[in-house]
Amino acid sequence: MNEQNNIQANPQIVINNLVQENARLMHENAVLKAIVQEQNEQQQTDNQAPTQSE
């Protein structure tokens, strides 16, 4: 028996793992986008606030 035939990925498991990884990365991306947006808004607020010298 050829040993290479015994080592085959189960396509359904591979698909499930890729779907889970994709969902995890999409969530991480959404969180990072929210952080960047929050920082940009804070920076805009800071830039619009009058300085003490004014």
PDB file of N, CA and C in Angstrom:
ATOM      1  N   MET A   1       0.848  -1.196   0.000  1.00  0.00           N
ATOM      2  CA  MET A   1       0.000   0.000   0.000  1.00  0.00           C
ATOM      3  C   MET A   1       0.890   1.254   0.000  1.00  0.00           C
ATOM      4  N   ASN A   2       0.534   2.196  -0.791  1.00  0.00           N
ATOM      5  CA  ASN A   2       1.302   3.438  -0.891  1.00  0.00           C
ATOM      6  C   ASN A   2       0.971   4.326   0.307  1.00  0.00           C
ATOM      7  N   GLU A   3       1.998   4.675   1.110  1.00  0.00           N
ATOM      8  CA  GLU A   3       1.764   5.480   2.317  1.00  0.00           C
ATOM      9  C   GLU A   3       1.244   6.865   1.989  1.00  0.00           C
ATOM     10  N   GLN A   4       1.581   7.393   0.832  1.00  0.00           N
ATOM     11  CA  GLN A   4       1.128   8.728   0.465  1.00  0.00           C
ATOM     12  C   GLN A   4      -0.399   8.783   0.383  1.00  0.00           C
ATOM     13  N   ASN A   5      -1.023   7.677   0.050  1.00  0.00           N
ATOM     14  CA  ASN A   5      -2.484   7.646  -0.027  1.00  0.00           C
ATOM     15  C   ASN A   5      -3.114   7.758   1.350  1.00  0.00           C
ATOM     16  N   ASN A   6      -2.380   7.405   2.401  1.00  0.00           N
ATOM     17  CA  ASN A   6      -2.921   7.471   3.758  1.00  0.00           C
ATOM     18  C   ASN A   6      -2.879   8.875   4.325  1.00  0.00           C
ATOM     19  N   ILE A   7      -2.066   9.743   3.744  1.00  0.00           N
ATOM     20  CA  ILE A   7      -1.928  11.102   4.261  1.00  0.00           C
ATOM     21  C   ILE A   7      -2.631  12.050   3.296  1.00  0.00           C
ATOM     22  N   GLN A   8      -3.941  12.184   3.494  1.00  0.00           N
ATOM     23  CA  GLN A   8      -4.727  13.080   2.651  1.00  0.00           C
ATOM     24  C   GLN A   8      -5.570  13.972   3.559  1.00  0.00           C
ATOM     25  N   ALA A   9      -5.595  15.229   3.223  1.00  0.00           N
ATOM     26  CA  ALA A   9      -6.407  16.162   4.003  1.00  0.00           C
ATOM     27  C   ALA A   9      -7.872  15.920   3.704  1.00  0.00           C
ATOM     28  N   ASN A  10      -8.664  15.980   4.746  1.00  0.00           N
ATOM     29  CA  ASN A  10     -10.106  15.888   4.585  1.00  0.00           C
ATOM     30  C   ASN A  10     -10.589  17.249   4.071  1.00  0.00           C
ATOM     31  N   PRO A  11     -11.126  17.298   2.865  1.00  0.00           N
ATOM     32  CA  PRO A  11     -11.513  18.604   2.291  1.00  0.00           C
ATOM     33  C   PRO A  11     -12.482  19.384   3.167  1.00  0.00           C
ATOM     34  N   GLN A  12     -13.417  18.695   3.824  1.00  0.00           N
ATOM     35  CA  GLN A  12     -14.394  19.400   4.651  1.00  0.00           C
ATOM     36  C   GLN A  12     -13.717  20.043   5.868  1.00  0.00           C
ATOM     37  N   ILE A  13     -12.743  19.341   6.437  1.00  0.00           N
ATOM     38  CA  ILE A  13     -12.022  19.902   7.581  1.00  0.00           C
ATOM     39  C   ILE A  13     -11.191  21.104   7.142  1.00  0.00           C
ATOM     40  N   VAL A  14     -10.548  20.992   5.992  1.00  0.00           N
ATOM     41  CA  VAL A  14      -9.755  22.114   5.475  1.00  0.00           C
ATOM     42  C   VAL A  14     -10.655  23.310   5.230  1.00  0.00           C
ATOM     43  N   ILE A  15     -11.800  23.089   4.623  1.00  0.00           N
ATOM     44  CA  ILE A  15     -12.740  24.186   4.350  1.00  0.00           C
ATOM     45  C   ILE A  15     -13.216  24.811   5.654  1.00  0.00           C
ATOM     46  N   ASN A  16     -13.578  23.972   6.628  1.00  0.00           N
ATOM     47  CA  ASN A  16     -14.052  24.495   7.917  1.00  0.00           C
ATOM     48  C   ASN A  16     -12.968  25.326   8.597  1.00  0.00           C
ATOM     49  N   ASN A  17     -11.730  24.838   8.556  1.00  0.00           N
ATOM     50  CA  ASN A  17     -10.629  25.582   9.177  1.00  0.00           C
ATOM     51  C   ASN A  17     -10.406  26.917   8.480  1.00  0.00           C
ATOM     52  N   LEU A  18     -10.494  26.933   7.158  1.00  0.00           N
ATOM     53  CA  LEU A  18     -10.301  28.181   6.420  1.00  0.00           C
ATOM     54  C   LEU A  18     -11.448  29.158   6.684  1.00  0.00           C
ATOM     55  N   VAL A  19     -12.651  28.653   6.804  1.00  0.00           N
ATOM     56  CA  VAL A  19     -13.798  29.514   7.104  1.00  0.00           C
ATOM     57  C   VAL A  19     -13.633  30.128   8.489  1.00  0.00           C
ATOM     58  N   GLN A  20     -13.210  29.316   9.464  1.00  0.00           N
ATOM     59  CA  GLN A  20     -12.998  29.838  10.810  1.00  0.00           C
ATOM     60  C   GLN A  20     -11.884  30.867  10.831  1.00  0.00           C
ATOM     61  N   GLU A  21     -10.796  30.595  10.124  1.00  0.00           N
ATOM     62  CA  GLU A  21      -9.678  31.549  10.075  1.00  0.00           C
ATOM     63  C   GLU A  21     -10.120  32.844   9.404  1.00  0.00           C
ATOM     64  N   ASN A  22     -10.910  32.731   8.350  1.00  0.00           N
ATOM     65  CA  ASN A  22     -11.414  33.915   7.659  1.00  0.00           C
ATOM     66  C   ASN A  22     -12.298  34.749   8.589  1.00  0.00           C
ATOM     67  N   ALA A  23     -13.171  34.090   9.339  1.00  0.00           N
ATOM     68  CA  ALA A  23     -14.037  34.811  10.277  1.00  0.00           C
ATOM     69  C   ALA A  23     -13.196  35.500  11.345  1.00  0.00           C
ATOM     70  N   ARG A  24     -12.173  34.820  11.843  1.00  0.00           N
ATOM     71  CA  ARG A  24     -11.311  35.408  12.872  1.00  0.00           C
ATOM     72  C   ARG A  24     -10.596  36.642  12.331  1.00  0.00           C
ATOM     73  N   LEU A  25     -10.079  36.530  11.107  1.00  0.00           N
ATOM     74  CA  LEU A  25      -9.359  37.655  10.512  1.00  0.00           C
ATOM     75  C   LEU A  25     -10.296  38.816  10.195  1.00  0.00           C
ATOM     76  N   MET A  26     -11.511  38.519   9.764  1.00  0.00           N
ATOM     77  CA  MET A  26     -12.478  39.594   9.495  1.00  0.00           C
ATOM     78  C   MET A  26     -12.820  40.329  10.790  1.00  0.00           C
ATOM     79  N   HIS A  27     -12.971  39.584  11.874  1.00  0.00           N
ATOM     80  CA  HIS A  27     -13.260  40.210  13.163  1.00  0.00           C
ATOM     81  C   HIS A  27     -12.088  41.071  13.615  1.00  0.00           C
ATOM     82  N   GLU A  28     -10.880  40.521  13.483  1.00  0.00           N
ATOM     83  CA  GLU A  28      -9.684  41.277  13.872  1.00  0.00           C
ATOM     84  C   GLU A  28      -9.567  42.548  13.039  1.00  0.00           C
ATOM     85  N   ASN A  29      -9.843  42.446  11.756  1.00  0.00           N
ATOM     86  CA  ASN A  29      -9.782  43.605  10.872  1.00  0.00           C
ATOM     87  C   ASN A  29     -10.795  44.669  11.284  1.00  0.00           C
ATOM     88  N   ALA A  30     -11.999  44.233  11.631  1.00  0.00           N
ATOM     89  CA  ALA A  30     -13.031  45.182  12.058  1.00  0.00           C
ATOM     90  C   ALA A  30     -12.621  45.892  13.345  1.00  0.00           C
ATOM     91  N   VAL A  31     -12.042  45.139  14.278  1.00  0.00           N
ATOM     92  CA  VAL A  31     -11.601  45.737  15.539  1.00  0.00           C
ATOM     93  C   VAL A  31     -10.501  46.759  15.272  1.00  0.00           C
ATOM     94  N   LEU A  32      -9.544  46.391  14.435  1.00  0.00           N
ATOM     95  CA  LEU A  32      -8.439  47.312  14.136  1.00  0.00           C
ATOM     96  C   LEU A  32      -8.934  48.557  13.408  1.00  0.00           C
ATOM     97  N   LYS A  33      -9.880  48.392  12.496  1.00  0.00           N
ATOM     98  CA  LYS A  33     -10.448  49.553  11.803  1.00  0.00           C
ATOM     99  C   LYS A  33     -11.134  50.487  12.796  1.00  0.00           C
ATOM    100  N   ALA A  34     -11.844  49.912  13.763  1.00  0.00           N
ATOM    101  CA  ALA A  34     -12.527  50.730  14.768  1.00  0.00           C
ATOM    102  C   ALA A  34     -11.514  51.492  15.619  1.00  0.00           C
ATOM    103  N   ILE A  35     -10.413  50.836  15.952  1.00  0.00           N
ATOM    104  CA  ILE A  35      -9.374  51.498  16.749  1.00  0.00           C
ATOM    105  C   ILE A  35      -8.775  52.660  15.962  1.00  0.00           C
ATOM    106  N   VAL A  36      -8.463  52.423  14.694  1.00  0.00           N
ATOM    107  CA  VAL A  36      -7.875  53.475  13.864  1.00  0.00           C
ATOM    108  C   VAL A  36      -8.851  54.639  13.713  1.00  0.00           C
ATOM    109  N   GLN A  37     -10.120  54.326  13.484  1.00  0.00           N
ATOM    110  CA  GLN A  37     -11.125  55.385  13.344  1.00  0.00           C
ATOM    111  C   GLN A  37     -11.231  56.197  14.632  1.00  0.00           C
ATOM    112  N   GLU A  38     -11.221  55.508  15.763  1.00  0.00           N
ATOM    113  CA  GLU A  38     -11.298  56.203  17.050  1.00  0.00           C
ATOM    114  C   GLU A  38     -10.089  57.103  17.255  1.00  0.00           C
ATOM    115  N   GLN A  39      -8.918  56.606  16.898  1.00  0.00           N
ATOM    116  CA  GLN A  39      -7.706  57.419  17.033  1.00  0.00           C
ATOM    117  C   GLN A  39      -7.740  58.618  16.099  1.00  0.00           C
ATOM    118  N   ASN A  40      -8.229  58.425  14.885  1.00  0.00           N
ATOM    119  CA  ASN A  40      -8.334  59.545  13.941  1.00  0.00           C
ATOM    120  C   ASN A  40      -9.304  60.599  14.449  1.00  0.00           C
ATOM    121  N   GLU A  41     -10.426  60.146  15.004  1.00  0.00           N
ATOM    122  CA  GLU A  41     -11.398  61.104  15.539  1.00  0.00           C
ATOM    123  C   GLU A  41     -10.810  61.858  16.730  1.00  0.00           C
ATOM    124  N   GLN A  42     -10.074  61.147  17.575  1.00  0.00           N
ATOM    125  CA  GLN A  42      -9.449  61.797  18.725  1.00  0.00           C
ATOM    126  C   GLN A  42      -8.407  62.808  18.269  1.00  0.00           C
ATOM    127  N   GLN A  43      -7.659  62.451  17.229  1.00  0.00           N
ATOM    128  CA  GLN A  43      -6.636  63.364  16.702  1.00  0.00           C
ATOM    129  C   GLN A  43      -7.296  64.611  16.125  1.00  0.00           C
ATOM    130  N   GLN A  44      -8.417  64.425  15.411  1.00  0.00           N
ATOM    131  CA  GLN A  44      -9.133  65.583  14.869  1.00  0.00           C
ATOM    132  C   GLN A  44      -9.646  66.471  15.999  1.00  0.00           C
ATOM    133  N   THR A  45     -10.154  65.853  17.044  1.00  0.00           N
ATOM    134  CA  THR A  45     -10.649  66.601  18.215  1.00  0.00           C
ATOM    135  C   THR A  45      -9.500  67.366  18.852  1.00  0.00           C
ATOM    136  N   ASP A  46      -8.367  66.697  19.001  1.00  0.00           N
ATOM    137  CA  ASP A  46      -7.203  67.350  19.603  1.00  0.00           C
ATOM    138  C   ASP A  46      -6.724  68.519  18.746  1.00  0.00           C
ATOM    139  N   ASN A  47      -6.760  68.350  17.434  1.00  0.00           N
ATOM    140  CA  ASN A  47      -6.313  69.411  16.534  1.00  0.00           C
ATOM    141  C   ASN A  47      -7.270  70.593  16.527  1.00  0.00           C
ATOM    142  N   GLN A  48      -8.535  70.355  16.822  1.00  0.00           N
ATOM    143  CA  GLN A  48      -9.517  71.439  16.807  1.00  0.00           C
ATOM    144  C   GLN A  48      -9.600  72.166  18.156  1.00  0.00           C
ATOM    145  N   ALA A  49      -9.126  71.522  19.208  1.00  0.00           N
ATOM    146  CA  ALA A  49      -9.188  72.133  20.536  1.00  0.00           C
ATOM    147  C   ALA A  49      -8.229  73.305  20.608  1.00  0.00           C
ATOM    148  N   PRO A  50      -8.657  74.390  21.199  1.00  0.00           N
ATOM    149  CA  PRO A  50      -7.751  75.551  21.319  1.00  0.00           C
ATOM    150  C   PRO A  50      -6.597  75.237  22.279  1.00  0.00           C
ATOM    151  N   THR A  51      -5.449  75.733  21.960  1.00  0.00           N
ATOM    152  CA  THR A  51      -4.302  75.525  22.831  1.00  0.00           C
ATOM    153  C   THR A  51      -4.353  76.524  23.968  1.00  0.00           C
ATOM    154  N   GLN A  52      -3.576  76.300  25.007  1.00  0.00           N
ATOM    155  CA  GLN A  52      -3.607  77.196  26.163  1.00  0.00           C
ATOM    156  C   GLN A  52      -3.057  78.575  25.835  1.00  0.00           C
ATOM    157  N   SER A  53      -2.218  78.678  24.834  1.00  0.00           N
ATOM    158  CA  SER A  53      -1.655  79.967  24.472  1.00  0.00           C
ATOM    159  C   SER A  53      -2.660  80.864  23.758  1.00  0.00           C
ATOM    160  N   GLU A  54      -3.755  80.261  23.288  1.00  0.00           N
ATOM    161  CA  GLU A  54      -4.756  81.063  22.566  1.00  0.00           C
ATOM    162  C   GLU A  54      -5.733  81.701  23.512  1.00  0.00           C
TER     163      GLU A  54
END
